[in-house]
Amino acid sequence: MITNTERRFINEWVEQKSGPRWKYYLLFGLAWTAVSFLVIFFLTKLFTSLWATGGANLIYIFIIISLVTGFLYTHFTYVTNEKKYHRIMDREKRNAN
């Protein structure tokens, strides 16, 4: 039996992954890139003096780190949600038989 939480997850996941995978990665990858950039930027601004020593090149390093972090997190989320979706569906197929 599917719980309400699982049913909500299934509905949201099917809607999110509808369409090509690259659109999912582009949308959520860019969103997580922006979030990670803001976190890295403000934490380094708040807790370190890297801005005095890093100069203008430091912003490029933050952008690269943010891009990698954003797309890795997007990939991790996609794979995890896909496994969870298949685990629920497999369980329901076994229970139906």
PDB file of N, CA and C in Angstrom:
ATOM      1  N   MET A   1       0.826  -1.181   0.000  1.00  0.00           N
ATOM      2  CA  MET A   1       0.000   0.000   0.000  1.00  0.00           C
ATOM      3  C   MET A   1       0.876   1.251   0.000  1.00  0.00           C
ATOM      4  N   ILE A   2       0.575   2.154  -0.868  1.00  0.00           N
ATOM      5  CA  ILE A   2       1.337   3.396  -0.986  1.00  0.00           C
ATOM      6  C   ILE A   2       0.806   4.408   0.028  1.00  0.00           C
ATOM      7  N   THR A   3       1.711   4.986   0.792  1.00  0.00           N
ATOM      8  CA  THR A   3       1.310   6.007   1.755  1.00  0.00           C
ATOM      9  C   THR A   3       1.070   7.329   1.029  1.00  0.00           C
ATOM     10  N   ASN A   4       0.465   8.275   1.738  1.00  0.00           N
ATOM     11  CA  ASN A   4       0.218   9.593   1.146  1.00  0.00           C
ATOM     12  C   ASN A   4       1.520  10.297   0.793  1.00  0.00           C
ATOM     13  N   THR A   5       2.529  10.131   1.622  1.00  0.00           N
ATOM     14  CA  THR A   5       3.831  10.745   1.349  1.00  0.00           C
ATOM     15  C   THR A   5       4.440  10.167   0.082  1.00  0.00           C
ATOM     16  N   GLU A   6       4.362   8.848  -0.072  1.00  0.00           N
ATOM     17  CA  GLU A   6       4.898   8.206  -1.271  1.00  0.00           C
ATOM     18  C   GLU A   6       4.099   8.605  -2.505  1.00  0.00           C
ATOM     19  N   ARG A   7       2.800   8.699  -2.365  1.00  0.00           N
ATOM     20  CA  ARG A   7       1.960   9.107  -3.498  1.00  0.00           C
ATOM     21  C   ARG A   7       2.303  10.529  -3.942  1.00  0.00           C
ATOM     22  N   ARG A   8       2.505  11.413  -2.972  1.00  0.00           N
ATOM     23  CA  ARG A   8       2.896  12.795  -3.279  1.00  0.00           C
ATOM     24  C   ARG A   8       4.261  12.819  -3.958  1.00  0.00           C
ATOM     25  N   PHE A   9       5.202  12.013  -3.434  1.00  0.00           N
ATOM     26  CA  PHE A   9       6.531  11.931  -4.038  1.00  0.00           C
ATOM     27  C   PHE A   9       6.430  11.448  -5.486  1.00  0.00           C
ATOM     28  N   ILE A  10       5.658  10.391  -5.710  1.00  0.00           N
ATOM     29  CA  ILE A  10       5.519   9.845  -7.064  1.00  0.00           C
ATOM     30  C   ILE A  10       4.948  10.886  -8.015  1.00  0.00           C
ATOM     31  N   ASN A  11       3.904  11.574  -7.591  1.00  0.00           N
ATOM     32  CA  ASN A  11       3.296  12.595  -8.455  1.00  0.00           C
ATOM     33  C   ASN A  11       4.270  13.726  -8.774  1.00  0.00           C
ATOM     34  N   GLU A  12       4.970  14.200  -7.764  1.00  0.00           N
ATOM     35  CA  GLU A  12       5.915  15.294  -7.979  1.00  0.00           C
ATOM     36  C   GLU A  12       7.110  14.840  -8.823  1.00  0.00           C
ATOM     37  N   TRP A  13       7.589  13.628  -8.577  1.00  0.00           N
ATOM     38  CA  TRP A  13       8.754  13.151  -9.312  1.00  0.00           C
ATOM     39  C   TRP A  13       8.423  12.905 -10.773  1.00  0.00           C
ATOM     40  N   VAL A  14       7.266  12.325 -11.039  1.00  0.00           N
ATOM     41  CA  VAL A  14       6.865  12.084 -12.429  1.00  0.00           C
ATOM     42  C   VAL A  14       6.730  13.414 -13.167  1.00  0.00           C
ATOM     43  N   GLU A  15       6.185  14.420 -12.493  1.00  0.00           N
ATOM     44  CA  GLU A  15       6.044  15.739 -13.118  1.00  0.00           C
ATOM     45  C   GLU A  15       7.409  16.387 -13.358  1.00  0.00           C
ATOM     46  N   GLN A  16       8.318  16.277 -12.387  1.00  0.00           N
ATOM     47  CA  GLN A  16       9.632  16.900 -12.524  1.00  0.00           C
ATOM     48  C   GLN A  16      10.473  16.252 -13.606  1.00  0.00           C
ATOM     49  N   LYS A  17      10.402  14.944 -13.716  1.00  0.00           N
ATOM     50  CA  LYS A  17      11.274  14.278 -14.683  1.00  0.00           C
ATOM     51  C   LYS A  17      10.625  14.101 -16.050  1.00  0.00           C
ATOM     52  N   SER A  18       9.404  14.605 -16.214  1.00  0.00           N
ATOM     53  CA  SER A  18       8.779  14.520 -17.533  1.00  0.00           C
ATOM     54  C   SER A  18       9.565  15.393 -18.503  1.00  0.00           C
ATOM     55  N   GLY A  19       9.737  14.911 -19.682  1.00  0.00           N
ATOM     56  CA  GLY A  19      10.540  15.625 -20.665  1.00  0.00           C
ATOM     57  C   GLY A  19      11.966  15.115 -20.661  1.00  0.00           C
ATOM     58  N   PRO A  20      12.801  15.764 -21.436  1.00  0.00           N
ATOM     59  CA  PRO A  20      14.195  15.310 -21.538  1.00  0.00           C
ATOM     60  C   PRO A  20      14.967  15.527 -20.233  1.00  0.00           C
ATOM     61  N   ARG A  21      15.904  14.649 -19.998  1.00  0.00           N
ATOM     62  CA  ARG A  21      16.709  14.725 -18.783  1.00  0.00           C
ATOM     63  C   ARG A  21      17.571  15.978 -18.760  1.00  0.00           C
ATOM     64  N   TRP A  22      18.038  16.428 -19.912  1.00  0.00           N
ATOM     65  CA  TRP A  22      18.916  17.597 -19.940  1.00  0.00           C
ATOM     66  C   TRP A  22      18.190  18.840 -19.444  1.00  0.00           C
ATOM     67  N   LYS A  23      16.863  18.910 -19.640  1.00  0.00           N
ATOM     68  CA  LYS A  23      16.120  20.071 -19.134  1.00  0.00           C
ATOM     69  C   LYS A  23      16.078  20.066 -17.613  1.00  0.00           C
ATOM     70  N   TYR A  24      15.912  18.876 -17.038  1.00  0.00           N
ATOM     71  CA  TYR A  24      15.932  18.754 -15.580  1.00  0.00           C
ATOM     72  C   TYR A  24      17.298  19.197 -15.049  1.00  0.00           C
ATOM     73  N   TYR A  25      18.356  18.670 -15.666  1.00  0.00           N
ATOM     74  CA  TYR A  25      19.706  19.012 -15.225  1.00  0.00           C
ATOM     75  C   TYR A  25      19.995  20.502 -15.409  1.00  0.00           C
ATOM     76  N   LEU A  26      19.535  21.085 -16.486  1.00  0.00           N
ATOM     77  CA  LEU A  26      19.774  22.499 -16.735  1.00  0.00           C
ATOM     78  C   LEU A  26      19.056  23.359 -15.700  1.00  0.00           C
ATOM     79  N   LEU A  27      17.781  23.084 -15.484  1.00  0.00           N
ATOM     80  CA  LEU A  27      16.989  23.885 -14.552  1.00  0.00           C
ATOM     81  C   LEU A  27      17.514  23.776 -13.126  1.00  0.00           C
ATOM     82  N   PHE A  28      17.615  22.558 -12.630  1.00  0.00           N
ATOM     83  CA  PHE A  28      18.031  22.382 -11.239  1.00  0.00           C
ATOM     84  C   PHE A  28      19.530  22.594 -11.061  1.00  0.00           C
ATOM     85  N   GLY A  29      20.320  22.298 -12.080  1.00  0.00           N
ATOM     86  CA  GLY A  29      21.757  22.553 -11.996  1.00  0.00           C
ATOM     87  C   GLY A  29      22.053  24.032 -11.857  1.00  0.00           C
ATOM     88  N   LEU A  30      21.371  24.843 -12.635  1.00  0.00           N
ATOM     89  CA  LEU A  30      21.572  26.291 -12.530  1.00  0.00           C
ATOM     90  C   LEU A  30      21.062  26.832 -11.201  1.00  0.00           C
ATOM     91  N   ALA A  31      19.947  26.295 -10.737  1.00  0.00           N
ATOM     92  CA  ALA A  31      19.409  26.751  -9.453  1.00  0.00           C
ATOM     93  C   ALA A  31      20.366  26.416  -8.311  1.00  0.00           C
ATOM     94  N   TRP A  32      20.859  25.186  -8.277  1.00  0.00           N
ATOM     95  CA  TRP A  32      21.790  24.811  -7.214  1.00  0.00           C
ATOM     96  C   TRP A  32      23.141  25.497  -7.367  1.00  0.00           C
ATOM     97  N   THR A  33      23.511  25.836  -8.592  1.00  0.00           N
ATOM     98  CA  THR A  33      24.741  26.607  -8.795  1.00  0.00           C
ATOM     99  C   THR A  33      24.607  27.987  -8.166  1.00  0.00           C
ATOM    100  N   ALA A  34      23.472  28.624  -8.372  1.00  0.00           N
ATOM    101  CA  ALA A  34      23.246  29.950  -7.782  1.00  0.00           C
ATOM    102  C   ALA A  34      23.243  29.875  -6.259  1.00  0.00           C
ATOM    103  N   VAL A  35      22.581  28.884  -5.718  1.00  0.00           N
ATOM    104  CA  VAL A  35      22.535  28.732  -4.258  1.00  0.00           C
ATOM    105  C   VAL A  35      23.930  28.478  -3.707  1.00  0.00           C
ATOM    106  N   SER A  36      24.669  27.574  -4.323  1.00  0.00           N
ATOM    107  CA  SER A  36      26.006  27.260  -3.808  1.00  0.00           C
ATOM    108  C   SER A  36      26.949  28.458  -3.951  1.00  0.00           C
ATOM    109  N   PHE A  37      26.805  29.223  -5.030  1.00  0.00           N
ATOM    110  CA  PHE A  37      27.643  30.411  -5.181  1.00  0.00           C
ATOM    111  C   PHE A  37      27.384  31.410  -4.062  1.00  0.00           C
ATOM    112  N   LEU A  38      26.110  31.650  -3.771  1.00  0.00           N
ATOM    113  CA  LEU A  38      25.781  32.604  -2.708  1.00  0.00           C
ATOM    114  C   LEU A  38      26.296  32.129  -1.352  1.00  0.00           C
ATOM    115  N   VAL A  39      26.177  30.852  -1.082  1.00  0.00           N
ATOM    116  CA  VAL A  39      26.665  30.317   0.193  1.00  0.00           C
ATOM    117  C   VAL A  39      28.180  30.467   0.278  1.00  0.00           C
ATOM    118  N   ILE A  40      28.882  30.046  -0.755  1.00  0.00           N
ATOM    119  CA  ILE A  40      30.347  30.146  -0.751  1.00  0.00           C
ATOM    120  C   ILE A  40      30.789  31.603  -0.652  1.00  0.00           C
ATOM    121  N   PHE A  41      30.162  32.463  -1.417  1.00  0.00           N
ATOM    122  CA  PHE A  41      30.528  33.874  -1.438  1.00  0.00           C
ATOM    123  C   PHE A  41      30.376  34.506  -0.051  1.00  0.00           C
ATOM    124  N   PHE A  42      29.206  34.334   0.552  1.00  0.00           N
ATOM    125  CA  PHE A  42      28.975  34.999   1.829  1.00  0.00           C
ATOM    126  C   PHE A  42      29.748  34.361   2.979  1.00  0.00           C
ATOM    127  N   LEU A  43      29.960  33.063   2.934  1.00  0.00           N
ATOM    128  CA  LEU A  43      30.753  32.444   3.995  1.00  0.00           C
ATOM    129  C   LEU A  43      32.208  32.878   3.930  1.00  0.00           C
ATOM    130  N   THR A  44      32.771  32.969   2.731  1.00  0.00           N
ATOM    131  CA  THR A  44      34.166  33.426   2.639  1.00  0.00           C
ATOM    132  C   THR A  44      34.270  34.906   2.976  1.00  0.00           C
ATOM    133  N   LYS A  45      33.272  35.661   2.616  1.00  0.00           N
ATOM    134  CA  LYS A  45      33.280  37.091   2.938  1.00  0.00           C
ATOM    135  C   LYS A  45      33.183  37.301   4.448  1.00  0.00           C
ATOM    136  N   LEU A  46      32.414  36.435   5.091  1.00  0.00           N
ATOM    137  CA  LEU A  46      32.168  36.583   6.516  1.00  0.00           C
ATOM    138  C   LEU A  46      33.307  36.059   7.382  1.00  0.00           C
ATOM    139  N   PHE A  47      33.886  34.914   7.014  1.00  0.00           N
ATOM    140  CA  PHE A  47      34.811  34.235   7.906  1.00  0.00           C
ATOM    141  C   PHE A  47      36.281  34.282   7.498  1.00  0.00           C
ATOM    142  N   THR A  48      36.602  34.770   6.314  1.00  0.00           N
ATOM    143  CA  THR A  48      38.012  34.767   5.910  1.00  0.00           C
ATOM    144  C   THR A  48      38.412  36.126   5.350  1.00  0.00           C
ATOM    145  N   SER A  49      39.702  36.250   5.130  1.00  0.00           N
ATOM    146  CA  SER A  49      40.219  37.461   4.486  1.00  0.00           C
ATOM    147  C   SER A  49      40.742  37.125   3.095  1.00  0.00           C
ATOM    148  N   LEU A  50      40.143  36.123   2.457  1.00  0.00           N
ATOM    149  CA  LEU A  50      40.595  35.718   1.122  1.00  0.00           C
ATOM    150  C   LEU A  50      40.423  36.828   0.094  1.00  0.00           C
ATOM    151  N   TRP A  51      39.484  37.714   0.329  1.00  0.00           N
ATOM    152  CA  TRP A  51      39.243  38.769  -0.663  1.00  0.00           C
ATOM    153  C   TRP A  51      40.413  39.727  -0.749  1.00  0.00           C
ATOM    154  N   ALA A  52      41.126  39.896   0.340  1.00  0.00           N
ATOM    155  CA  ALA A  52      42.285  40.783   0.321  1.00  0.00           C
ATOM    156  C   ALA A  52      43.451  40.134  -0.424  1.00  0.00           C
ATOM    157  N   THR A  53      43.560  38.806  -0.340  1.00  0.00           N
ATOM    158  CA  THR A  53      44.688  38.131  -0.965  1.00  0.00           C
ATOM    159  C   THR A  53      44.343  37.503  -2.305  1.00  0.00           C
ATOM    160  N   GLY A  54      43.083  37.142  -2.525  1.00  0.00           N
ATOM    161  CA  GLY A  54      42.685  36.438  -3.739  1.00  0.00           C
ATOM    162  C   GLY A  54      42.481  37.340  -4.929  1.00  0.00           C
ATOM    163  N   GLY A  55      42.034  38.534  -4.701  1.00  0.00           N
ATOM    164  CA  GLY A  55      41.813  39.467  -5.789  1.00  0.00           C
ATOM    165  C   GLY A  55      40.636  39.092  -6.669  1.00  0.00           C
ATOM    166  N   ALA A  56      40.680  39.566  -7.903  1.00  0.00           N
ATOM    167  CA  ALA A  56      39.576  39.371  -8.840  1.00  0.00           C
ATOM    168  C   ALA A  56      39.463  37.915  -9.307  1.00  0.00           C
ATOM    169  N   ASN A  57      40.554  37.187  -9.293  1.00  0.00           N
ATOM    170  CA  ASN A  57      40.523  35.794  -9.745  1.00  0.00           C
ATOM    171  C   ASN A  57      39.733  34.890  -8.804  1.00  0.00           C
ATOM    172  N   LEU A  58      39.546  35.320  -7.578  1.00  0.00           N
ATOM    173  CA  LEU A  58      38.827  34.516  -6.601  1.00  0.00           C
ATOM    174  C   LEU A  58      37.372  34.299  -7.027  1.00  0.00           C
ATOM    175  N   ILE A  59      36.772  35.271  -7.659  1.00  0.00           N
ATOM    176  CA  ILE A  59      35.384  35.138  -8.098  1.00  0.00           C
ATOM    177  C   ILE A  59      35.251  34.051  -9.155  1.00  0.00           C
ATOM    178  N   TYR A  60      36.248  33.904 -10.020  1.00  0.00           N
ATOM    179  CA  TYR A  60      36.214  32.856 -11.041  1.00  0.00           C
ATOM    180  C   TYR A  60      36.333  31.467 -10.408  1.00  0.00           C
ATOM    181  N   ILE A  61      37.140  31.373  -9.402  1.00  0.00           N
ATOM    182  CA  ILE A  61      37.267  30.105  -8.675  1.00  0.00           C
ATOM    183  C   ILE A  61      35.934  29.746  -8.022  1.00  0.00           C
ATOM    184  N   PHE A  62      35.264  30.737  -7.425  1.00  0.00           N
ATOM    185  CA  PHE A  62      33.953  30.494  -6.802  1.00  0.00           C
ATOM    186  C   PHE A  62      32.918  30.067  -7.828  1.00  0.00           C
ATOM    187  N   ILE A  63      32.948  30.657  -8.999  1.00  0.00           N
ATOM    188  CA  ILE A  63      31.992  30.285 -10.055  1.00  0.00           C
ATOM    189  C   ILE A  63      32.215  28.844 -10.482  1.00  0.00           C
ATOM    190  N   ILE A  64      33.463  28.455 -10.668  1.00  0.00           N
ATOM    191  CA  ILE A  64      33.767  27.074 -11.076  1.00  0.00           C
ATOM    192  C   ILE A  64      33.351  26.087  -9.986  1.00  0.00           C
ATOM    193  N   ILE A  65      33.687  26.388  -8.744  1.00  0.00           N
ATOM    194  CA  ILE A  65      33.307  25.511  -7.632  1.00  0.00           C
ATOM    195  C   ILE A  65      31.782  25.415  -7.546  1.00  0.00           C
ATOM    196  N   SER A  66      31.094  26.520  -7.739  1.00  0.00           N
ATOM    197  CA  SER A  66      29.634  26.530  -7.665  1.00  0.00           C
ATOM    198  C   SER A  66      29.008  25.721  -8.792  1.00  0.00           C
ATOM    199  N   LEU A  67      29.555  25.833 -10.000  1.00  0.00           N
ATOM    200  CA  LEU A  67      29.040  25.042 -11.121  1.00  0.00           C
ATOM    201  C   LEU A  67      29.184  23.550 -10.857  1.00  0.00           C
ATOM    202  N   VAL A  68      30.358  23.155 -10.404  1.00  0.00           N
ATOM    203  CA  VAL A  68      30.599  21.735 -10.120  1.00  0.00           C
ATOM    204  C   VAL A  68      29.678  21.257  -8.996  1.00  0.00           C
ATOM    205  N   THR A  69      29.588  22.032  -7.933  1.00  0.00           N
ATOM    206  CA  THR A  69      28.736  21.662  -6.805  1.00  0.00           C
ATOM    207  C   THR A  69      27.275  21.574  -7.216  1.00  0.00           C
ATOM    208  N   GLY A  70      26.803  22.550  -7.980  1.00  0.00           N
ATOM    209  CA  GLY A  70      25.408  22.571  -8.406  1.00  0.00           C
ATOM    210  C   GLY A  70      25.043  21.376  -9.262  1.00  0.00           C
ATOM    211  N   PHE A  71      25.873  21.053 -10.219  1.00  0.00           N
ATOM    212  CA  PHE A  71      25.553  19.931 -11.097  1.00  0.00           C
ATOM    213  C   PHE A  71      25.776  18.580 -10.416  1.00  0.00           C
ATOM    214  N   LEU A  72      26.730  18.475  -9.509  1.00  0.00           N
ATOM    215  CA  LEU A  72      26.883  17.232  -8.748  1.00  0.00           C
ATOM    216  C   LEU A  72      25.680  17.002  -7.841  1.00  0.00           C
ATOM    217  N   TYR A  73      25.226  18.051  -7.184  1.00  0.00           N
ATOM    218  CA  TYR A  73      24.055  17.907  -6.313  1.00  0.00           C
ATOM    219  C   TYR A  73      22.817  17.559  -7.126  1.00  0.00           C
ATOM    220  N   THR A  74      22.672  18.150  -8.303  1.00  0.00           N
ATOM    221  CA  THR A  74      21.540  17.831  -9.171  1.00  0.00           C
ATOM    222  C   THR A  74      21.588  16.369  -9.590  1.00  0.00           C
ATOM    223  N   HIS A  75      22.753  15.891  -9.973  1.00  0.00           N
ATOM    224  CA  HIS A  75      22.897  14.496 -10.375  1.00  0.00           C
ATOM    225  C   HIS A  75      22.591  13.557  -9.209  1.00  0.00           C
ATOM    226  N   PHE A  76      23.119  13.867  -8.032  1.00  0.00           N
ATOM    227  CA  PHE A  76      22.879  13.053  -6.847  1.00  0.00           C
ATOM    228  C   PHE A  76      21.383  13.007  -6.525  1.00  0.00           C
ATOM    229  N   THR A  77      20.714  14.127  -6.607  1.00  0.00           N
ATOM    230  CA  THR A  77      19.282  14.184  -6.333  1.00  0.00           C
ATOM    231  C   THR A  77      18.497  13.383  -7.356  1.00  0.00           C
ATOM    232  N   TYR A  78      18.850  13.500  -8.627  1.00  0.00           N
ATOM    233  CA  TYR A  78      18.148  12.772  -9.677  1.00  0.00           C
ATOM    234  C   TYR A  78      18.286  11.263  -9.476  1.00  0.00           C
ATOM    235  N   VAL A  79      19.497  10.809  -9.238  1.00  0.00           N
ATOM    236  CA  VAL A  79      19.746   9.380  -9.066  1.00  0.00           C
ATOM    237  C   VAL A  79      19.021   8.857  -7.820  1.00  0.00           C
ATOM    238  N   THR A  80      19.084   9.589  -6.724  1.00  0.00           N
ATOM    239  CA  THR A  80      18.430   9.177  -5.491  1.00  0.00           C
ATOM    240  C   THR A  80      16.918   9.102  -5.660  1.00  0.00           C
ATOM    241  N   ASN A  81      16.332  10.110  -6.274  1.00  0.00           N
ATOM    242  CA  ASN A  81      14.885  10.112  -6.485  1.00  0.00           C
ATOM    243  C   ASN A  81      14.452   9.013  -7.442  1.00  0.00           C
ATOM    244  N   GLU A  82      15.252   8.752  -8.446  1.00  0.00           N
ATOM    245  CA  GLU A  82      14.913   7.693  -9.401  1.00  0.00           C
ATOM    246  C   GLU A  82      14.945   6.322  -8.716  1.00  0.00           C
ATOM    247  N   LYS A  83      15.942   6.091  -7.867  1.00  0.00           N
ATOM    248  CA  LYS A  83      16.014   4.830  -7.126  1.00  0.00           C
ATOM    249  C   LYS A  83      14.822   4.685  -6.188  1.00  0.00           C
ATOM    250  N   LYS A  84      14.476   5.760  -5.501  1.00  0.00           N
ATOM    251  CA  LYS A  84      13.331   5.730  -4.589  1.00  0.00           C
ATOM    252  C   LYS A  84      12.045   5.441  -5.355  1.00  0.00           C
ATOM    253  N   TYR A  85      11.876   6.061  -6.506  1.00  0.00           N
ATOM    254  CA  TYR A  85      10.693   5.842  -7.339  1.00  0.00           C
ATOM    255  C   TYR A  85      10.597   4.381  -7.779  1.00  0.00           C
ATOM    256  N   HIS A  86      11.697   3.823  -8.261  1.00  0.00           N
ATOM    257  CA  HIS A  86      11.692   2.432  -8.715  1.00  0.00           C
ATOM    258  C   HIS A  86      11.491   1.461  -7.547  1.00  0.00           C
ATOM    259  N   ARG A  87      12.030   1.784  -6.387  1.00  0.00           N
ATOM    260  CA  ARG A  87      11.847   0.931  -5.214  1.00  0.00           C
ATOM    261  C   ARG A  87      10.365   0.890  -4.813  1.00  0.00           C
ATOM    262  N   ILE A  88       9.696   2.022  -4.834  1.00  0.00           N
ATOM    263  CA  ILE A  88       8.269   2.065  -4.501  1.00  0.00           C
ATOM    264  C   ILE A  88       7.457   1.301  -5.538  1.00  0.00           C
ATOM    265  N   MET A  89       7.763   1.509  -6.815  1.00  0.00           N
ATOM    266  CA  MET A  89       7.007   0.839  -7.874  1.00  0.00           C
ATOM    267  C   MET A  89       7.233  -0.674  -7.852  1.00  0.00           C
ATOM    268  N   ASP A  90       8.458  -1.111  -7.603  1.00  0.00           N
ATOM    269  CA  ASP A  90       8.736  -2.545  -7.516  1.00  0.00           C
ATOM    270  C   ASP A  90       8.001  -3.175  -6.341  1.00  0.00           C
ATOM    271  N   ARG A  91       7.989  -2.473  -5.212  1.00  0.00           N
ATOM    272  CA  ARG A  91       7.272  -2.975  -4.043  1.00  0.00           C
ATOM    273  C   ARG A  91       5.775  -3.123  -4.330  1.00  0.00           C
ATOM    274  N   GLU A  92       5.221  -2.156  -5.035  1.00  0.00           N
ATOM    275  CA  GLU A  92       3.796  -2.214  -5.356  1.00  0.00           C
ATOM    276  C   GLU A  92       3.484  -3.319  -6.361  1.00  0.00           C
ATOM    277  N   LYS A  93       4.415  -3.580  -7.283  1.00  0.00           N
ATOM    278  CA  LYS A  93       4.214  -4.682  -8.234  1.00  0.00           C
ATOM    279  C   LYS A  93       4.228  -6.019  -7.507  1.00  0.00           C
ATOM    280  N   ARG A  94       5.149  -6.171  -6.544  1.00  0.00           N
ATOM    281  CA  ARG A  94       5.205  -7.416  -5.774  1.00  0.00           C
ATOM    282  C   ARG A  94       3.949  -7.590  -4.931  1.00  0.00           C
ATOM    283  N   ASN A  95       3.446  -6.519  -4.348  1.00  0.00           N
ATOM    284  CA  ASN A  95       2.246  -6.587  -3.523  1.00  0.00           C
ATOM    285  C   ASN A  95       1.000  -6.847  -4.355  1.00  0.00           C
ATOM    286  N   ALA A  96       1.023  -6.417  -5.600  1.00  0.00           N
ATOM    287  CA  ALA A  96      -0.143  -6.638  -6.480  1.00  0.00           C
ATOM    288  C   ALA A  96      -0.244  -8.086  -6.925  1.00  0.00           C
ATOM    289  N   ASN A  97       0.865  -8.775  -6.995  1.00  0.00           N
ATOM    290  CA  ASN A  97       0.868 -10.187  -7.450  1.00  0.00           C
ATOM    291  C   ASN A  97       0.471 -11.123  -6.377  1.00  0.00           C
TER     292      ASN A  97
END
